[in-house]
């Protein structure tokens, strides 16, 4: 039995990114924050690549979160 997967990219996902992410970081007893948005991974990017990239990008813009614990991470296709 063979299976075919069709990827359907709507104008909304092209405009906003192919994937939606949510990342929550916590510095226990000090500060916590949640970031969300859309991103389009590169053709060879893995989920781990995107996690590391997002975490570093957030840390670079918010140095107070250096060494923070990851409380939540989600990366899903940006479609319903």
N, C-alpha and C. Protein backbone atom coordinates (compact mmCIF):
# COMPACT_ATOMS: atom_id res chain seq x y z
N UNK A 1 0.84 -1.17 0.00
CA UNK A 1 0.00 0.00 0.00
C UNK A 1 0.89 1.23 0.00
N UNK A 2 0.65 2.16 -0.90
CA UNK A 2 1.46 3.37 -0.93
C UNK A 2 0.62 4.55 -0.48
N UNK A 3 1.31 5.54 0.02
CA UNK A 3 0.63 6.72 0.52
C UNK A 3 1.25 7.95 -0.12
N UNK A 4 0.44 8.90 -0.47
CA UNK A 4 0.91 10.14 -1.04
C UNK A 4 0.53 11.28 -0.11
N UNK A 5 1.46 12.19 0.10
CA UNK A 5 1.17 13.37 0.92
C UNK A 5 1.22 14.58 0.02
N UNK A 6 0.17 15.34 0.06
CA UNK A 6 0.09 16.56 -0.74
C UNK A 6 0.25 17.75 0.19
N UNK A 7 1.19 18.61 -0.15
CA UNK A 7 1.36 19.82 0.64
C UNK A 7 0.67 20.95 -0.08
N UNK A 8 -0.29 21.55 0.60
CA UNK A 8 -1.07 22.63 0.03
C UNK A 8 -0.71 23.92 0.74
N UNK A 9 -0.06 24.83 0.04
CA UNK A 9 0.34 26.10 0.64
C UNK A 9 -0.64 27.17 0.21
N UNK A 10 -1.35 27.69 1.17
CA UNK A 10 -2.32 28.74 0.88
C UNK A 10 -1.63 30.09 0.92
N UNK A 11 -2.24 31.13 0.36
CA UNK A 11 -1.64 32.46 0.42
C UNK A 11 -1.35 32.92 1.84
N UNK A 12 -2.19 32.52 2.81
CA UNK A 12 -1.97 32.94 4.20
C UNK A 12 -0.66 32.38 4.73
N UNK A 13 -0.35 31.09 4.44
CA UNK A 13 0.90 30.53 4.94
C UNK A 13 2.09 31.11 4.21
N UNK A 14 1.95 31.47 2.96
CA UNK A 14 3.05 32.10 2.25
C UNK A 14 3.33 33.48 2.84
N UNK A 15 2.30 34.22 3.19
CA UNK A 15 2.47 35.56 3.73
C UNK A 15 3.02 35.52 5.15
N UNK A 16 2.59 34.57 5.97
CA UNK A 16 2.93 34.56 7.38
C UNK A 16 3.97 33.53 7.78
N UNK A 17 4.37 32.67 6.93
CA UNK A 17 5.31 31.61 7.29
C UNK A 17 4.61 30.27 7.26
N UNK A 18 5.36 29.24 6.96
CA UNK A 18 4.76 27.92 6.81
C UNK A 18 4.48 27.22 8.14
N UNK A 19 5.12 27.70 9.22
CA UNK A 19 4.94 27.07 10.54
C UNK A 19 4.69 28.13 11.61
N UNK A 20 3.88 27.75 12.60
CA UNK A 20 3.62 28.61 13.75
C UNK A 20 4.37 28.02 14.94
N UNK A 21 5.01 28.89 15.74
CA UNK A 21 5.73 28.42 16.91
C UNK A 21 5.25 29.14 18.17
N UNK A 22 5.42 28.46 19.30
CA UNK A 22 5.22 29.03 20.63
C UNK A 22 6.39 28.51 21.46
N UNK A 23 7.08 29.42 22.14
CA UNK A 23 8.22 29.06 22.97
C UNK A 23 8.12 29.83 24.28
N UNK A 24 8.09 29.10 25.40
CA UNK A 24 8.04 29.72 26.72
C UNK A 24 9.33 29.41 27.45
N UNK A 25 9.96 30.46 27.98
CA UNK A 25 11.20 30.33 28.75
C UNK A 25 10.97 30.85 30.16
N UNK A 26 11.71 30.26 31.12
CA UNK A 26 11.55 30.65 32.51
C UNK A 26 12.90 30.69 33.21
N UNK A 27 13.13 31.78 33.93
CA UNK A 27 14.25 31.89 34.85
C UNK A 27 13.59 31.81 36.23
N UNK A 28 13.60 30.63 36.87
CA UNK A 28 12.83 30.42 38.10
C UNK A 28 13.03 31.53 39.13
N UNK A 29 11.91 32.04 39.59
CA UNK A 29 11.91 33.07 40.61
C UNK A 29 12.29 34.45 40.12
N UNK A 30 12.58 34.58 38.79
CA UNK A 30 13.03 35.87 38.27
C UNK A 30 12.14 36.41 37.17
N UNK A 31 12.03 35.65 36.09
CA UNK A 31 11.31 36.17 34.91
C UNK A 31 10.88 34.99 34.04
N UNK A 32 9.77 35.15 33.37
CA UNK A 32 9.27 34.16 32.41
C UNK A 32 8.73 34.91 31.21
N UNK A 33 8.74 34.27 30.05
CA UNK A 33 8.21 34.91 28.86
C UNK A 33 7.80 33.89 27.83
N UNK A 34 6.82 34.25 27.02
CA UNK A 34 6.34 33.42 25.93
C UNK A 34 6.41 34.21 24.64
N UNK A 35 6.96 33.59 23.61
CA UNK A 35 7.04 34.18 22.28
C UNK A 35 6.28 33.29 21.31
N UNK A 36 5.69 33.91 20.31
CA UNK A 36 4.98 33.14 19.28
C UNK A 36 5.08 33.91 17.97
N UNK A 37 4.92 33.19 16.91
CA UNK A 37 4.96 33.80 15.59
C UNK A 37 5.00 32.74 14.52
N UNK A 38 5.37 33.16 13.33
CA UNK A 38 5.47 32.23 12.22
C UNK A 38 6.88 32.28 11.65
N UNK A 39 7.25 31.19 11.03
CA UNK A 39 8.58 31.05 10.45
C UNK A 39 8.49 30.03 9.32
N UNK A 40 9.34 30.18 8.33
CA UNK A 40 9.43 29.19 7.26
C UNK A 40 10.81 28.53 7.33
N UNK A 41 10.87 27.29 7.78
CA UNK A 41 12.16 26.59 7.87
C UNK A 41 12.78 26.38 6.49
N UNK A 42 14.09 26.26 6.47
CA UNK A 42 14.79 25.95 5.24
C UNK A 42 14.47 24.53 4.80
N UNK A 43 14.77 24.19 3.57
CA UNK A 43 14.40 22.87 3.03
C UNK A 43 15.04 21.70 3.76
N UNK A 44 16.17 21.89 4.42
CA UNK A 44 16.81 20.79 5.14
C UNK A 44 16.72 20.96 6.65
N UNK A 45 16.01 21.97 7.11
CA UNK A 45 15.89 22.23 8.55
C UNK A 45 15.10 21.14 9.25
N UNK A 46 15.53 20.83 10.46
CA UNK A 46 14.81 19.88 11.30
C UNK A 46 14.07 20.64 12.39
N UNK A 47 13.21 19.95 13.10
CA UNK A 47 12.51 20.55 14.23
C UNK A 47 13.53 21.05 15.26
N UNK A 48 14.57 20.25 15.52
CA UNK A 48 15.61 20.65 16.46
C UNK A 48 16.36 21.89 15.97
N UNK A 49 16.66 21.95 14.68
CA UNK A 49 17.31 23.15 14.12
C UNK A 49 16.48 24.39 14.41
N UNK A 50 15.18 24.30 14.21
CA UNK A 50 14.30 25.45 14.41
C UNK A 50 14.21 25.80 15.89
N UNK A 51 14.16 24.80 16.75
CA UNK A 51 14.13 25.04 18.19
C UNK A 51 15.39 25.80 18.62
N UNK A 52 16.56 25.32 18.21
CA UNK A 52 17.82 25.97 18.59
C UNK A 52 17.91 27.38 18.01
N UNK A 53 17.46 27.55 16.77
CA UNK A 53 17.50 28.86 16.13
C UNK A 53 16.59 29.85 16.83
N UNK A 54 15.36 29.43 17.13
CA UNK A 54 14.41 30.31 17.82
C UNK A 54 14.91 30.67 19.22
N UNK A 55 15.41 29.67 19.95
CA UNK A 55 15.90 29.93 21.30
C UNK A 55 17.06 30.92 21.28
N UNK A 56 17.97 30.76 20.34
CA UNK A 56 19.11 31.68 20.24
C UNK A 56 18.66 33.07 19.81
N UNK A 57 17.73 33.14 18.88
CA UNK A 57 17.22 34.44 18.44
C UNK A 57 16.56 35.19 19.59
N UNK A 58 15.76 34.49 20.37
CA UNK A 58 15.10 35.11 21.53
C UNK A 58 16.14 35.54 22.55
N UNK A 59 17.12 34.69 22.83
CA UNK A 59 18.16 35.01 23.79
C UNK A 59 18.97 36.23 23.34
N UNK A 60 19.27 36.32 22.05
CA UNK A 60 20.04 37.45 21.52
C UNK A 60 19.28 38.77 21.70
N UNK A 61 17.96 38.72 21.56
CA UNK A 61 17.14 39.93 21.72
C UNK A 61 16.76 40.20 23.17
N UNK A 62 16.89 39.18 24.02
CA UNK A 62 16.50 39.28 25.43
C UNK A 62 17.56 38.59 26.28
N UNK A 63 18.73 39.21 26.47
CA UNK A 63 19.84 38.55 27.17
C UNK A 63 19.50 38.09 28.58
N UNK A 64 18.48 38.68 29.20
CA UNK A 64 18.10 38.25 30.54
C UNK A 64 17.58 36.81 30.57
N UNK A 65 17.31 36.22 29.39
CA UNK A 65 16.84 34.84 29.31
C UNK A 65 17.97 33.86 29.01
N UNK A 66 19.23 34.32 29.04
CA UNK A 66 20.36 33.42 28.85
C UNK A 66 20.35 32.36 29.95
N UNK A 67 20.38 31.11 29.56
CA UNK A 67 20.35 30.01 30.52
C UNK A 67 18.97 29.65 31.03
N UNK A 68 17.93 30.23 30.45
CA UNK A 68 16.56 29.97 30.91
C UNK A 68 16.13 28.54 30.61
N UNK A 69 15.21 28.05 31.42
CA UNK A 69 14.60 26.74 31.20
C UNK A 69 13.52 26.86 30.14
N UNK A 70 13.44 25.86 29.28
CA UNK A 70 12.36 25.80 28.30
C UNK A 70 11.18 25.12 28.98
N UNK A 71 10.08 25.84 29.07
CA UNK A 71 8.87 25.32 29.71
C UNK A 71 7.94 24.71 28.66
N UNK A 72 7.91 25.32 27.47
CA UNK A 72 7.02 24.84 26.42
C UNK A 72 7.61 25.20 25.07
N UNK A 73 7.48 24.27 24.11
CA UNK A 73 7.87 24.53 22.72
C UNK A 73 6.91 23.79 21.80
N UNK A 74 6.41 24.52 20.82
CA UNK A 74 5.54 23.92 19.81
C UNK A 74 5.92 24.51 18.46
N UNK A 75 6.02 23.67 17.46
CA UNK A 75 6.25 24.08 16.08
C UNK A 75 5.35 23.22 15.20
N UNK A 76 4.36 23.86 14.62
CA UNK A 76 3.35 23.14 13.85
C UNK A 76 3.13 23.82 12.49
N UNK A 77 2.71 23.03 11.49
CA UNK A 77 2.36 23.67 10.21
C UNK A 77 1.31 24.75 10.43
N UNK A 78 1.45 25.86 9.74
CA UNK A 78 0.57 27.02 9.91
C UNK A 78 -0.64 26.90 9.01
N UNK A 79 -1.48 25.96 9.35
CA UNK A 79 -2.73 25.76 8.59
C UNK A 79 -3.76 25.15 9.51
N UNK A 80 -5.01 25.23 9.10
CA UNK A 80 -6.08 24.59 9.89
C UNK A 80 -6.50 23.32 9.21
